[in-house]
């Protein structure tokens, strides 16, 4: 399984803030899927930079983004990913918000998106370590099945 984690953060891209969410996602996946190939990219909250990173990662089975899903004016990740994707996967973003809400009511403010580009599943996670920990653990059980389905290998 090939996974690309894209951290979308102005501060992390400038080196002002250490990216903690991206490495957390990578660690959780590697603990459960030992043969996973994981790469990470850090970009600022800029449309062209986000699109460039998505296109660089389009050979991955999964692109998991962290950051840029909130209410700030520069939080544009969901819109860019929806523009990039061919189809949406609303069930993933719905369950991520629903389960996250059990931890914090702030989860209802997340605007994360999930979709498909070619044979790649794209999922937006919030930017906090707590949120990506929960969201990654929620997504893990369906990742293998999603790859089989997208490759027409049945249910």
Protein backbone atom coordinates (compact mmCIF):
# COMPACT_ATOMS: atom_id res chain seq x y z
CA UNK A 1 0.00 0.00 0.00
CA UNK A 2 1.33 3.41 -1.00
CA UNK A 3 0.29 6.38 1.15
CA UNK A 4 1.27 10.00 0.79
CA UNK A 5 0.68 12.30 3.75
CA UNK A 6 0.42 15.98 2.87
CA UNK A 7 0.67 18.46 5.73
CA UNK A 8 -0.93 21.75 4.76
CA UNK A 9 0.33 24.48 7.05
CA UNK A 10 1.87 27.88 6.43
CA UNK A 11 3.89 27.69 9.66
CA UNK A 12 5.15 24.14 9.12
CA UNK A 13 6.10 24.92 5.50
CA UNK A 14 8.16 27.91 6.71
CA UNK A 15 9.83 25.89 9.50
CA UNK A 16 8.21 28.04 12.21
CA UNK A 17 6.24 25.10 13.53
CA UNK A 18 7.27 21.46 13.63
CA UNK A 19 4.92 19.18 11.72
CA UNK A 20 3.65 16.73 14.33
CA UNK A 21 0.49 15.53 12.57
CA UNK A 22 2.15 14.09 9.47
CA UNK A 23 4.61 11.93 11.43
CA UNK A 24 1.76 10.78 13.70
CA UNK A 25 -0.25 9.53 10.72
CA UNK A 26 2.83 7.75 9.34
CA UNK A 27 3.59 6.08 12.69
CA UNK A 28 0.03 4.78 13.16
CA UNK A 29 -0.16 3.37 9.64
CA UNK A 30 3.25 1.68 9.88
CA UNK A 31 2.25 0.06 13.18
CA UNK A 32 -0.74 -1.62 11.49
CA UNK A 33 0.41 -2.02 7.88
CA UNK A 34 4.07 -2.93 8.13
CA UNK A 35 4.67 -3.04 4.37
CA UNK A 36 3.09 0.37 3.74
CA UNK A 37 5.21 2.77 1.67
CA UNK A 38 4.68 6.22 3.14
CA UNK A 39 5.93 9.53 1.86
CA UNK A 40 5.31 12.96 3.35
CA UNK A 41 5.05 16.41 1.84
CA UNK A 42 4.64 19.77 3.62
CA UNK A 43 3.09 22.71 1.77
CA UNK A 44 1.65 26.11 2.72
CA UNK A 45 -2.06 26.93 2.51
CA UNK A 46 -1.75 27.97 -1.12
CA UNK A 47 -3.91 26.54 -3.90
CA UNK A 48 -1.09 26.01 -6.41
CA UNK A 49 1.16 24.36 -3.81
CA UNK A 50 -1.61 22.03 -2.63
CA UNK A 51 -2.53 21.04 -6.20
CA UNK A 52 1.14 20.45 -7.05
CA UNK A 53 1.50 18.13 -4.02
CA UNK A 54 -1.69 16.25 -4.92
CA UNK A 55 -0.46 15.71 -8.48
CA UNK A 56 2.96 14.56 -7.21
CA UNK A 57 1.19 11.97 -5.05
CA UNK A 58 -1.32 10.70 -7.59
CA UNK A 59 0.34 7.28 -7.89
CA UNK A 60 -0.41 6.57 -4.21
CA UNK A 61 -3.31 4.39 -3.11
CA UNK A 62 -4.17 6.99 -0.47
CA UNK A 63 -3.43 10.67 -0.09
CA UNK A 64 -4.10 11.76 3.48
CA UNK A 65 -3.98 15.47 4.15
CA UNK A 66 -3.69 17.12 7.54
CA UNK A 67 -4.54 20.75 8.11
CA UNK A 68 -6.50 23.44 6.36
CA UNK A 69 -9.97 22.06 7.17
CA UNK A 70 -11.11 24.68 9.67
CA UNK A 71 -12.87 28.01 9.41
CA UNK A 72 -9.95 30.37 8.83
CA UNK A 73 -9.87 32.24 5.55
CA UNK A 74 -6.72 30.36 4.45
CA UNK A 75 -8.24 26.94 5.26
CA UNK A 76 -8.84 25.85 1.66
CA UNK A 77 -7.90 22.17 1.71
CA UNK A 78 -11.43 20.74 1.23
CA UNK A 79 -12.20 23.00 -1.72
CA UNK A 80 -8.90 22.20 -3.46
CA UNK A 81 -9.29 18.46 -2.89
CA UNK A 82 -12.87 18.49 -4.15
CA UNK A 83 -11.70 20.33 -7.27
CA UNK A 84 -8.87 17.78 -7.72
CA UNK A 85 -11.00 14.64 -7.24
CA UNK A 86 -13.23 12.93 -9.81
CA UNK A 87 -15.83 11.71 -7.29
CA UNK A 88 -16.64 12.25 -3.63
CA UNK A 89 -16.72 9.69 -0.83
CA UNK A 90 -19.02 11.43 1.66
CA UNK A 91 -19.29 8.42 3.97
CA UNK A 92 -15.67 8.75 5.02
CA UNK A 93 -15.84 12.43 5.95
CA UNK A 94 -19.22 11.91 7.63
CA UNK A 95 -17.96 9.12 9.89
CA UNK A 96 -14.72 10.96 10.69
CA UNK A 97 -16.72 13.99 11.88
CA UNK A 98 -19.27 11.83 13.69
CA UNK A 99 -16.68 9.82 15.60
CA UNK A 100 -14.54 12.88 16.28
CA UNK A 101 -17.57 14.67 17.70
CA UNK A 102 -17.66 12.01 20.43
CA UNK A 103 -14.27 13.38 21.55
CA UNK A 104 -14.95 17.10 21.06
CA UNK A 105 -17.89 19.21 19.87
CA UNK A 106 -15.36 21.21 17.84
CA UNK A 107 -15.37 18.36 15.31
CA UNK A 108 -18.58 19.69 13.80
CA UNK A 109 -16.54 22.68 12.60
CA UNK A 110 -14.25 20.47 10.49
CA UNK A 111 -14.92 20.77 6.79
CA UNK A 112 -12.84 17.76 5.74
CA UNK A 113 -13.55 16.16 2.36
CA UNK A 114 -12.97 12.66 0.99
CA UNK A 115 -12.92 11.66 -2.67
CA UNK A 116 -11.36 9.62 -5.45
CA UNK A 117 -8.92 10.74 -8.15
CA UNK A 118 -8.34 7.93 -10.61
CA UNK A 119 -7.41 5.01 -8.34
CA UNK A 120 -6.34 7.18 -5.41
CA UNK A 121 -8.46 7.81 -2.33
CA UNK A 122 -8.02 11.33 -0.93
CA UNK A 123 -9.02 12.05 2.68
CA UNK A 124 -8.71 15.31 4.62
CA UNK A 125 -7.90 15.17 8.33
CA UNK A 126 -7.81 18.15 10.70
CA UNK A 127 -4.39 19.46 11.71
CA UNK A 128 -4.10 18.42 15.36
CA UNK A 129 -2.24 15.35 16.61
CA UNK A 130 -5.29 14.27 18.61
CA UNK A 131 -7.55 14.52 15.54
CA UNK A 132 -5.21 12.70 13.16
CA UNK A 133 -4.66 9.95 15.69
CA UNK A 134 -8.38 9.28 15.91
CA UNK A 135 -9.06 9.73 12.19
CA UNK A 136 -6.20 7.48 11.09
CA UNK A 137 -7.38 4.72 13.43
CA UNK A 138 -10.92 5.06 12.07
CA UNK A 139 -9.73 4.87 8.45
CA UNK A 140 -7.27 1.99 8.86
CA UNK A 141 -9.82 -0.90 8.84
CA UNK A 142 -11.23 0.05 5.43
CA UNK A 143 -8.04 0.97 3.59
CA UNK A 144 -7.26 -2.49 2.21
CA UNK A 145 -10.86 -3.06 1.18
CA UNK A 146 -11.01 0.35 -0.52
CA UNK A 147 -7.95 -0.54 -2.62
CA UNK A 148 -9.56 -3.83 -3.69
CA UNK A 149 -12.80 -2.09 -4.61
CA UNK A 150 -11.13 0.69 -6.58
CA UNK A 151 -9.14 -1.94 -8.51
CA UNK A 152 -12.34 -3.93 -9.31
CA UNK A 153 -11.24 -6.86 -7.15
CA UNK A 154 -14.69 -7.27 -5.59
CA UNK A 155 -16.08 -6.81 -2.14
